[in-house]
Amino acid sequence: MESGGAVYILTNFTHTTFYVGVTSDLLFRIKEHREKVYPNSFSAKYNTTKLVYFCSYTSIEEAIAEEKRIKGGSRAKKIKLINSVNPDWKDFWEVVKEW
């Protein structure tokens, strides 16, 4: 049985670094990033804990394909994508907790 997935973008406080990820459990995965469960990971090293973009998909395969597309794009394209849904670059963590 297929399960859904989500693509997300995290950034640091100064918005200088992006982390693009995919998961089947967005709440759990973002919580792992925020708590730095993996202290040697990219997101922990660069303190990318601010969730500025996420989008859900009906299948994990679709989400993985979108993650690859976003990762392959330029920084400018990532910024444009974030601005399209979150022009104030608010942290969507509270939204995800209630989702």
PDB file of N, CA and C in Angstrom:
ATOM      1  N   MET A   1       0.843  -1.188   0.000  1.00  0.00           N
ATOM      2  CA  MET A   1       0.000   0.000   0.000  1.00  0.00           C
ATOM      3  C   MET A   1       0.882   1.243   0.000  1.00  0.00           C
ATOM      4  N   GLU A   2       0.543   2.184  -0.855  1.00  0.00           N
ATOM      5  CA  GLU A   2       1.300   3.437  -0.916  1.00  0.00           C
ATOM      6  C   GLU A   2       0.922   4.344   0.245  1.00  0.00           C
ATOM      7  N   SER A   3       1.898   5.093   0.706  1.00  0.00           N
ATOM      8  CA  SER A   3       1.598   6.104   1.714  1.00  0.00           C
ATOM      9  C   SER A   3       2.093   7.442   1.202  1.00  0.00           C
ATOM     10  N   GLY A   4       1.513   8.494   1.724  1.00  0.00           N
ATOM     11  CA  GLY A   4       1.862   9.826   1.273  1.00  0.00           C
ATOM     12  C   GLY A   4       3.198  10.292   1.781  1.00  0.00           C
ATOM     13  N   GLY A   5       3.572  11.470   1.324  1.00  0.00           N
ATOM     14  CA  GLY A   5       4.833  12.051   1.739  1.00  0.00           C
ATOM     15  C   GLY A   5       4.765  13.560   1.693  1.00  0.00           C
ATOM     16  N   ALA A   6       5.813  14.170   2.167  1.00  0.00           N
ATOM     17  CA  ALA A   6       5.894  15.629   2.176  1.00  0.00           C
ATOM     18  C   ALA A   6       7.322  16.052   1.855  1.00  0.00           C
ATOM     19  N   VAL A   7       7.426  17.154   1.147  1.00  0.00           N
ATOM     20  CA  VAL A   7       8.705  17.799   0.864  1.00  0.00           C
ATOM     21  C   VAL A   7       8.750  19.047   1.723  1.00  0.00           C
ATOM     22  N   TYR A   8       9.929  19.360   2.246  1.00  0.00           N
ATOM     23  CA  TYR A   8      10.033  20.533   3.106  1.00  0.00           C
ATOM     24  C   TYR A   8      11.367  21.225   2.902  1.00  0.00           C
ATOM     25  N   ILE A   9      11.385  22.510   3.251  1.00  0.00           N
ATOM     26  CA  ILE A   9      12.625  23.291   3.223  1.00  0.00           C
ATOM     27  C   ILE A   9      12.807  23.925   4.589  1.00  0.00           C
ATOM     28  N   LEU A  10      13.989  23.706   5.141  1.00  0.00           N
ATOM     29  CA  LEU A  10      14.387  24.341   6.395  1.00  0.00           C
ATOM     30  C   LEU A  10      15.469  25.366   6.089  1.00  0.00           C
ATOM     31  N   THR A  11      15.551  26.374   6.922  1.00  0.00           N
ATOM     32  CA  THR A  11      16.626  27.351   6.808  1.00  0.00           C
ATOM     33  C   THR A  11      17.113  27.707   8.209  1.00  0.00           C
ATOM     34  N   ASN A  12      18.200  28.442   8.255  1.00  0.00           N
ATOM     35  CA  ASN A  12      18.723  28.892   9.545  1.00  0.00           C
ATOM     36  C   ASN A  12      18.167  30.292   9.855  1.00  0.00           C
ATOM     37  N   PHE A  13      18.563  30.831  10.970  1.00  0.00           N
ATOM     38  CA  PHE A  13      18.032  32.119  11.429  1.00  0.00           C
ATOM     39  C   PHE A  13      18.296  33.256  10.438  1.00  0.00           C
ATOM     40  N   THR A  14      19.448  33.225   9.782  1.00  0.00           N
ATOM     41  CA  THR A  14      19.813  34.306   8.851  1.00  0.00           C
ATOM     42  C   THR A  14      19.450  33.994   7.400  1.00  0.00           C
ATOM     43  N   HIS A  15      18.804  32.844   7.179  1.00  0.00           N
ATOM     44  CA  HIS A  15      18.347  32.433   5.849  1.00  0.00           C
ATOM     45  C   HIS A  15      19.487  32.257   4.855  1.00  0.00           C
ATOM     46  N   THR A  16      20.659  31.890   5.330  1.00  0.00           N
ATOM     47  CA  THR A  16      21.806  31.724   4.440  1.00  0.00           C
ATOM     48  C   THR A  16      21.984  30.291   3.940  1.00  0.00           C
ATOM     49  N   THR A  17      21.370  29.335   4.619  1.00  0.00           N
ATOM     50  CA  THR A  17      21.520  27.930   4.262  1.00  0.00           C
ATOM     51  C   THR A  17      20.146  27.274   4.169  1.00  0.00           C
ATOM     52  N   PHE A  18      19.979  26.409   3.160  1.00  0.00           N
ATOM     53  CA  PHE A  18      18.732  25.664   2.992  1.00  0.00           C
ATOM     54  C   PHE A  18      18.988  24.172   3.137  1.00  0.00           C
ATOM     55  N   TYR A  19      18.003  23.488   3.691  1.00  0.00           N
ATOM     56  CA  TYR A  19      17.984  22.031   3.718  1.00  0.00           C
ATOM     57  C   TYR A  19      16.667  21.603   3.094  1.00  0.00           C
ATOM     58  N   VAL A  20      16.733  20.808   2.040  1.00  0.00           N
ATOM     59  CA  VAL A  20      15.537  20.286   1.383  1.00  0.00           C
ATOM     60  C   VAL A  20      15.428  18.818   1.737  1.00  0.00           C
ATOM     61  N   GLY A  21      14.257  18.412   2.223  1.00  0.00           N
ATOM     62  CA  GLY A  21      14.081  17.030   2.630  1.00  0.00           C
ATOM     63  C   GLY A  21      12.742  16.469   2.223  1.00  0.00           C
ATOM     64  N   VAL A  22      12.606  15.166   2.383  1.00  0.00           N
ATOM     65  CA  VAL A  22      11.357  14.455   2.092  1.00  0.00           C
ATOM     66  C   VAL A  22      11.104  13.477   3.234  1.00  0.00           C
ATOM     67  N   THR A  23       9.853  13.259   3.553  1.00  0.00           N
ATOM     68  CA  THR A  23       9.510  12.378   4.668  1.00  0.00           C
ATOM     69  C   THR A  23       8.088  11.854   4.509  1.00  0.00           C
ATOM     70  N   SER A  24       7.823  10.753   5.172  1.00  0.00           N
ATOM     71  CA  SER A  24       6.453  10.237   5.227  1.00  0.00           C
ATOM     72  C   SER A  24       5.758  10.689   6.519  1.00  0.00           C
ATOM     73  N   ASP A  25       6.506  11.312   7.420  1.00  0.00           N
ATOM     74  CA  ASP A  25       5.949  11.793   8.695  1.00  0.00           C
ATOM     75  C   ASP A  25       6.557  13.168   9.002  1.00  0.00           C
ATOM     76  N   LEU A  26       5.913  14.198   8.506  1.00  0.00           N
ATOM     77  CA  LEU A  26       6.471  15.552   8.594  1.00  0.00           C
ATOM     78  C   LEU A  26       6.665  16.014  10.035  1.00  0.00           C
ATOM     79  N   LEU A  27       5.684  15.837  10.880  1.00  0.00           N
ATOM     80  CA  LEU A  27       5.795  16.292  12.269  1.00  0.00           C
ATOM     81  C   LEU A  27       6.994  15.641  12.968  1.00  0.00           C
ATOM     82  N   PHE A  28       7.106  14.329  12.842  1.00  0.00           N
ATOM     83  CA  PHE A  28       8.192  13.613  13.477  1.00  0.00           C
ATOM     84  C   PHE A  28       9.549  14.068  12.937  1.00  0.00           C
ATOM     85  N   ARG A  29       9.646  14.205  11.618  1.00  0.00           N
ATOM     86  CA  ARG A  29      10.933  14.549  11.002  1.00  0.00           C
ATOM     87  C   ARG A  29      11.377  15.961  11.373  1.00  0.00           C
ATOM     88  N   ILE A  30      10.462  16.924  11.364  1.00  0.00           N
ATOM     89  CA  ILE A  30      10.830  18.298  11.721  1.00  0.00           C
ATOM     90  C   ILE A  30      11.231  18.356  13.188  1.00  0.00           C
ATOM     91  N   LYS A  31      10.538  17.590  14.007  1.00  0.00           N
ATOM     92  CA  LYS A  31      10.900  17.536  15.428  1.00  0.00           C
ATOM     93  C   LYS A  31      12.327  17.009  15.582  1.00  0.00           C
ATOM     94  N   GLU A  32      12.704  15.996  14.796  1.00  0.00           N
ATOM     95  CA  GLU A  32      14.071  15.478  14.838  1.00  0.00           C
ATOM     96  C   GLU A  32      15.087  16.565  14.478  1.00  0.00           C
ATOM     97  N   HIS A  33      14.787  17.345  13.435  1.00  0.00           N
ATOM     98  CA  HIS A  33      15.687  18.434  13.044  1.00  0.00           C
ATOM     99  C   HIS A  33      15.819  19.453  14.170  1.00  0.00           C
ATOM    100  N   ARG A  34      14.689  19.858  14.719  1.00  0.00           N
ATOM    101  CA  ARG A  34      14.691  20.897  15.749  1.00  0.00           C
ATOM    102  C   ARG A  34      15.426  20.455  17.012  1.00  0.00           C
ATOM    103  N   GLU A  35      15.326  19.183  17.333  1.00  0.00           N
ATOM    104  CA  GLU A  35      15.985  18.654  18.533  1.00  0.00           C
ATOM    105  C   GLU A  35      17.401  18.168  18.251  1.00  0.00           C
ATOM    106  N   LYS A  36      17.839  18.301  17.004  1.00  0.00           N
ATOM    107  CA  LYS A  36      19.194  17.883  16.595  1.00  0.00           C
ATOM    108  C   LYS A  36      19.491  16.446  17.047  1.00  0.00           C
ATOM    109  N   VAL A  37      18.552  15.558  16.729  1.00  0.00           N
ATOM    110  CA  VAL A  37      18.685  14.151  17.080  1.00  0.00           C
ATOM    111  C   VAL A  37      19.952  13.556  16.475  1.00  0.00           C
ATOM    112  N   TYR A  38      20.312  14.028  15.295  1.00  0.00           N
ATOM    113  CA  TYR A  38      21.543  13.572  14.638  1.00  0.00           C
ATOM    114  C   TYR A  38      22.535  14.736  14.651  1.00  0.00           C
ATOM    115  N   PRO A  39      23.341  14.859  15.702  1.00  0.00           N
ATOM    116  CA  PRO A  39      24.191  16.040  15.900  1.00  0.00           C
ATOM    117  C   PRO A  39      25.258  16.251  14.831  1.00  0.00           C
ATOM    118  N   ASN A  40      25.610  15.229  14.070  1.00  0.00           N
ATOM    119  CA  ASN A  40      26.621  15.380  13.025  1.00  0.00           C
ATOM    120  C   ASN A  40      26.013  15.611  11.641  1.00  0.00           C
ATOM    121  N   SER A  41      24.700  15.760  11.578  1.00  0.00           N
ATOM    122  CA  SER A  41      24.020  15.941  10.294  1.00  0.00           C
ATOM    123  C   SER A  41      24.180  17.365   9.769  1.00  0.00           C
ATOM    124  N   PHE A  42      23.908  17.529   8.484  1.00  0.00           N
ATOM    125  CA  PHE A  42      23.966  18.842   7.847  1.00  0.00           C
ATOM    126  C   PHE A  42      23.055  19.835   8.562  1.00  0.00           C
ATOM    127  N   SER A  43      21.813  19.425   8.811  1.00  0.00           N
ATOM    128  CA  SER A  43      20.854  20.358   9.414  1.00  0.00           C
ATOM    129  C   SER A  43      21.274  20.774  10.825  1.00  0.00           C
ATOM    130  N   ALA A  44      21.879  19.875  11.579  1.00  0.00           N
ATOM    131  CA  ALA A  44      22.359  20.224  12.924  1.00  0.00           C
ATOM    132  C   ALA A  44      23.574  21.144  12.822  1.00  0.00           C
ATOM    133  N   LYS A  45      24.489  20.811  11.930  1.00  0.00           N
ATOM    134  CA  LYS A  45      25.711  21.597  11.772  1.00  0.00           C
ATOM    135  C   LYS A  45      25.415  23.045  11.371  1.00  0.00           C
ATOM    136  N   TYR A  46      24.458  23.219  10.459  1.00  0.00           N
ATOM    137  CA  TYR A  46      24.142  24.557   9.963  1.00  0.00           C
ATOM    138  C   TYR A  46      22.908  25.169  10.626  1.00  0.00           C
ATOM    139  N   ASN A  47      22.395  24.505  11.663  1.00  0.00           N
ATOM    140  CA  ASN A  47      21.285  25.017  12.463  1.00  0.00           C
ATOM    141  C   ASN A  47      20.054  25.358  11.615  1.00  0.00           C
ATOM    142  N   THR A  48      19.731  24.488  10.669  1.00  0.00           N
ATOM    143  CA  THR A  48      18.555  24.712   9.829  1.00  0.00           C
ATOM    144  C   THR A  48      17.341  24.094  10.518  1.00  0.00           C
ATOM    145  N   THR A  49      16.700  24.874  11.345  1.00  0.00           N
ATOM    146  CA  THR A  49      15.565  24.397  12.131  1.00  0.00           C
ATOM    147  C   THR A  49      14.274  25.155  11.837  1.00  0.00           C
ATOM    148  N   LYS A  50      14.336  26.151  10.998  1.00  0.00           N
ATOM    149  CA  LYS A  50      13.167  26.970  10.684  1.00  0.00           C
ATOM    150  C   LYS A  50      12.476  26.421   9.439  1.00  0.00           C
ATOM    151  N   LEU A  51      11.264  25.924   9.605  1.00  0.00           N
ATOM    152  CA  LEU A  51      10.493  25.352   8.503  1.00  0.00           C
ATOM    153  C   LEU A  51       9.820  26.479   7.719  1.00  0.00           C
ATOM    154  N   VAL A  52      10.280  26.719   6.505  1.00  0.00           N
ATOM    155  CA  VAL A  52       9.744  27.827   5.714  1.00  0.00           C
ATOM    156  C   VAL A  52       8.903  27.372   4.523  1.00  0.00           C
ATOM    157  N   TYR A  53       8.915  26.056   4.246  1.00  0.00           N
ATOM    158  CA  TYR A  53       8.124  25.540   3.127  1.00  0.00           C
ATOM    159  C   TYR A  53       7.831  24.066   3.364  1.00  0.00           C
ATOM    160  N   PHE A  54       6.618  23.659   3.035  1.00  0.00           N
ATOM    161  CA  PHE A  54       6.302  22.236   2.973  1.00  0.00           C
ATOM    162  C   PHE A  54       5.107  22.027   2.056  1.00  0.00           C
ATOM    163  N   CYS A  55       5.070  20.861   1.462  1.00  0.00           N
ATOM    164  CA  CYS A  55       3.977  20.503   0.568  1.00  0.00           C
ATOM    165  C   CYS A  55       3.764  19.001   0.675  1.00  0.00           C
ATOM    166  N   SER A  56       2.507  18.581   0.775  1.00  0.00           N
ATOM    167  CA  SER A  56       2.228  17.148   0.913  1.00  0.00           C
ATOM    168  C   SER A  56       1.823  16.555  -0.432  1.00  0.00           C
ATOM    169  N   TYR A  57       2.062  15.254  -0.563  1.00  0.00           N
ATOM    170  CA  TYR A  57       1.787  14.504  -1.787  1.00  0.00           C
ATOM    171  C   TYR A  57       1.087  13.201  -1.425  1.00  0.00           C
ATOM    172  N   THR A  58       0.312  12.675  -2.354  1.00  0.00           N
ATOM    173  CA  THR A  58      -0.444  11.452  -2.083  1.00  0.00           C
ATOM    174  C   THR A  58       0.441  10.219  -2.036  1.00  0.00           C
ATOM    175  N   SER A  59       1.592  10.254  -2.696  1.00  0.00           N
ATOM    176  CA  SER A  59       2.503   9.109  -2.641  1.00  0.00           C
ATOM    177  C   SER A  59       3.906   9.579  -2.288  1.00  0.00           C
ATOM    178  N   ILE A  60       4.647   8.717  -1.629  1.00  0.00           N
ATOM    179  CA  ILE A  60       6.017   9.048  -1.264  1.00  0.00           C
ATOM    180  C   ILE A  60       6.880   9.161  -2.517  1.00  0.00           C
ATOM    181  N   GLU A  61       6.568   8.389  -3.539  1.00  0.00           N
ATOM    182  CA  GLU A  61       7.327   8.461  -4.785  1.00  0.00           C
ATOM    183  C   GLU A  61       7.201   9.836  -5.434  1.00  0.00           C
ATOM    184  N   GLU A  62       6.010  10.386  -5.408  1.00  0.00           N
ATOM    185  CA  GLU A  62       5.774  11.723  -5.944  1.00  0.00           C
ATOM    186  C   GLU A  62       6.558  12.762  -5.137  1.00  0.00           C
ATOM    187  N   ALA A  63       6.569  12.602  -3.815  1.00  0.00           N
ATOM    188  CA  ALA A  63       7.303  13.524  -2.948  1.00  0.00           C
ATOM    189  C   ALA A  63       8.809  13.437  -3.205  1.00  0.00           C
ATOM    190  N   ILE A  64       9.329  12.232  -3.380  1.00  0.00           N
ATOM    191  CA  ILE A  64      10.759  12.060  -3.661  1.00  0.00           C
ATOM    192  C   ILE A  64      11.133  12.730  -4.976  1.00  0.00           C
ATOM    193  N   ALA A  65      10.293  12.580  -5.984  1.00  0.00           N
ATOM    194  CA  ALA A  65      10.558  13.218  -7.282  1.00  0.00           C
ATOM    195  C   ALA A  65      10.593  14.737  -7.145  1.00  0.00           C
ATOM    196  N   GLU A  66       9.676  15.283  -6.351  1.00  0.00           N
ATOM    197  CA  GLU A  66       9.650  16.738  -6.151  1.00  0.00           C
ATOM    198  C   GLU A  66      10.860  17.205  -5.355  1.00  0.00           C
ATOM    199  N   GLU A  67      11.270  16.438  -4.363  1.00  0.00           N
ATOM    200  CA  GLU A  67      12.463  16.783  -3.591  1.00  0.00           C
ATOM    201  C   GLU A  67      13.675  16.862  -4.520  1.00  0.00           C
ATOM    202  N   LYS A  68      13.821  15.899  -5.394  1.00  0.00           N
ATOM    203  CA  LYS A  68      14.945  15.885  -6.334  1.00  0.00           C
ATOM    204  C   LYS A  68      14.899  17.097  -7.262  1.00  0.00           C
ATOM    205  N   ARG A  69      13.689  17.443  -7.716  1.00  0.00           N
ATOM    206  CA  ARG A  69      13.544  18.607  -8.596  1.00  0.00           C
ATOM    207  C   ARG A  69      13.963  19.883  -7.873  1.00  0.00           C
ATOM    208  N   ILE A  70      13.502  20.049  -6.637  1.00  0.00           N
ATOM    209  CA  ILE A  70      13.840  21.251  -5.856  1.00  0.00           C
ATOM    210  C   ILE A  70      15.336  21.294  -5.566  1.00  0.00           C
ATOM    211  N   LYS A  71      15.894  20.172  -5.145  1.00  0.00           N
ATOM    212  CA  LYS A  71      17.333  20.127  -4.845  1.00  0.00           C
ATOM    213  C   LYS A  71      18.172  20.465  -6.070  1.00  0.00           C
ATOM    214  N   GLY A  72      17.695  20.086  -7.246  1.00  0.00           N
ATOM    215  CA  GLY A  72      18.426  20.339  -8.475  1.00  0.00           C
ATOM    216  C   GLY A  72      18.337  21.774  -8.956  1.00  0.00           C
ATOM    217  N   GLY A  73      17.449  22.552  -8.369  1.00  0.00           N
ATOM    218  CA  GLY A  73      17.259  23.941  -8.773  1.00  0.00           C
ATOM    219  C   GLY A  73      18.237  24.881  -8.086  1.00  0.00           C
ATOM    220  N   SER A  74      18.291  26.066  -8.586  1.00  0.00           N
ATOM    221  CA  SER A  74      19.191  27.081  -8.039  1.00  0.00           C
ATOM    222  C   SER A  74      18.658  27.634  -6.713  1.00  0.00           C
ATOM    223  N   ARG A  75      19.512  28.348  -6.018  1.00  0.00           N
ATOM    224  CA  ARG A  75      19.103  29.030  -4.795  1.00  0.00           C
ATOM    225  C   ARG A  75      17.956  30.001  -5.089  1.00  0.00           C
ATOM    226  N   ALA A  76      18.060  30.710  -6.212  1.00  0.00           N
ATOM    227  CA  ALA A  76      17.021  31.674  -6.593  1.00  0.00           C
ATOM    228  C   ALA A  76      15.665  30.980  -6.772  1.00  0.00           C
ATOM    229  N   LYS A  77      15.677  29.779  -7.334  1.00  0.00           N
ATOM    230  CA  LYS A  77      14.417  29.045  -7.514  1.00  0.00           C
ATOM    231  C   LYS A  77      13.852  28.593  -6.180  1.00  0.00           C
ATOM    232  N   LYS A  78      14.708  28.221  -5.252  1.00  0.00           N
ATOM    233  CA  LYS A  78      14.241  27.831  -3.917  1.00  0.00           C
ATOM    234  C   LYS A  78      13.624  29.041  -3.207  1.00  0.00           C
ATOM    235  N   ILE A  79      14.263  30.184  -3.325  1.00  0.00           N
ATOM    236  CA  ILE A  79      13.734  31.409  -2.715  1.00  0.00           C
ATOM    237  C   ILE A  79      12.386  31.769  -3.326  1.00  0.00           C
ATOM    238  N   LYS A  80      12.268  31.641  -4.633  1.00  0.00           N
ATOM    239  CA  LYS A  80      11.002  31.937  -5.316  1.00  0.00           C
ATOM    240  C   LYS A  80       9.904  30.988  -4.830  1.00  0.00           C
ATOM    241  N   LEU A  81      10.238  29.712  -4.667  1.00  0.00           N
ATOM    242  CA  LEU A  81       9.272  28.734  -4.176  1.00  0.00           C
ATOM    243  C   LEU A  81       8.826  29.083  -2.761  1.00  0.00           C
ATOM    244  N   ILE A  82       9.764  29.391  -1.890  1.00  0.00           N
ATOM    245  CA  ILE A  82       9.421  29.780  -0.512  1.00  0.00           C
ATOM    246  C   ILE A  82       8.537  31.023  -0.520  1.00  0.00           C
ATOM    247  N   ASN A  83       8.937  32.040  -1.285  1.00  0.00           N
ATOM    248  CA  ASN A  83       8.165  33.277  -1.334  1.00  0.00           C
ATOM    249  C   ASN A  83       6.751  33.078  -1.873  1.00  0.00           C
ATOM    250  N   SER A  84       6.549  32.064  -2.720  1.00  0.00           N
ATOM    251  CA  SER A  84       5.226  31.827  -3.302  1.00  0.00           C
ATOM    252  C   SER A  84       4.197  31.397  -2.260  1.00  0.00           C
ATOM    253  N   VAL A  85       4.644  30.780  -1.172  1.00  0.00           N
ATOM    254  CA  VAL A  85       3.710  30.338  -0.127  1.00  0.00           C
ATOM    255  C   VAL A  85       3.970  30.986   1.227  1.00  0.00           C
ATOM    256  N   ASN A  86       5.140  31.589   1.393  1.00  0.00           N
ATOM    257  CA  ASN A  86       5.526  32.133   2.695  1.00  0.00           C
ATOM    258  C   ASN A  86       6.372  33.396   2.506  1.00  0.00           C
ATOM    259  N   PRO A  87       5.778  34.468   1.988  1.00  0.00           N
ATOM    260  CA  PRO A  87       6.564  35.673   1.685  1.00  0.00           C
ATOM    261  C   PRO A  87       7.216  36.327   2.902  1.00  0.00           C
ATOM    262  N   ASP A  88       6.709  36.073   4.092  1.00  0.00           N
ATOM    263  CA  ASP A  88       7.296  36.643   5.305  1.00  0.00           C
ATOM    264  C   ASP A  88       8.303  35.694   5.957  1.00  0.00           C
ATOM    265  N   TRP A  89       8.505  34.544   5.364  1.00  0.00           N
ATOM    266  CA  TRP A  89       9.449  33.531   5.859  1.00  0.00           C
ATOM    267  C   TRP A  89       9.172  33.177   7.330  1.00  0.00           C
ATOM    268  N   LYS A  90       7.899  33.030   7.647  1.00  0.00           N
ATOM    269  CA  LYS A  90       7.521  32.615   9.001  1.00  0.00           C
ATOM    270  C   LYS A  90       7.887  31.158   9.201  1.00  0.00           C
ATOM    271  N   ASP A  91       8.098  30.781  10.452  1.00  0.00           N
ATOM    272  CA  ASP A  91       8.371  29.393  10.799  1.00  0.00           C
ATOM    273  C   ASP A  91       7.038  28.647  10.838  1.00  0.00           C
ATOM    274  N   PHE A  92       6.878  27.658   9.964  1.00  0.00           N
ATOM    275  CA  PHE A  92       5.640  26.897   9.873  1.00  0.00           C
ATOM    276  C   PHE A  92       5.551  25.767  10.902  1.00  0.00           C
ATOM    277  N   TRP A  93       6.473  25.726  11.845  1.00  0.00           N
ATOM    278  CA  TRP A  93       6.470  24.672  12.849  1.00  0.00           C
ATOM    279  C   TRP A  93       5.130  24.595  13.567  1.00  0.00           C
ATOM    280  N   GLU A  94       4.590  25.732  13.982  1.00  0.00           N
ATOM    281  CA  GLU A  94       3.314  25.733  14.700  1.00  0.00           C
ATOM    282  C   GLU A  94       2.185  25.205  13.818  1.00  0.00           C
ATOM    283  N   VAL A  95       2.243  25.515  12.534  1.00  0.00           N
ATOM    284  CA  VAL A  95       1.235  25.014  11.583  1.00  0.00           C
ATOM    285  C   VAL A  95       1.308  23.504  11.511  1.00  0.00           C
ATOM    286  N   VAL A  96       2.499  22.971  11.389  1.00  0.00           N
ATOM    287  CA  VAL A  96       2.681  21.521  11.273  1.00  0.00           C
ATOM    288  C   VAL A  96       2.254  20.809  12.546  1.00  0.00           C
ATOM    289  N   LYS A  97       2.506  21.408  13.694  1.00  0.00           N
ATOM    290  CA  LYS A  97       2.100  20.781  14.961  1.00  0.00           C
ATOM    291  C   LYS A  97       0.583  20.625  15.026  1.00  0.00           C
ATOM    292  N   GLU A  98      -0.149  21.536  14.397  1.00  0.00           N
ATOM    293  CA  GLU A  98      -1.619  21.495  14.425  1.00  0.00           C
ATOM    294  C   GLU A  98      -2.200  20.734  13.237  1.00  0.00           C
ATOM    295  N   TRP A  99      -1.374  20.360  12.293  1.00  0.00           N
ATOM    296  CA  TRP A  99      -1.793  19.750  11.029  1.00  0.00           C
ATOM    297  C   TRP A  99      -2.247  18.377  11.202  1.00  0.00           C
TER     298      TRP A  99
END
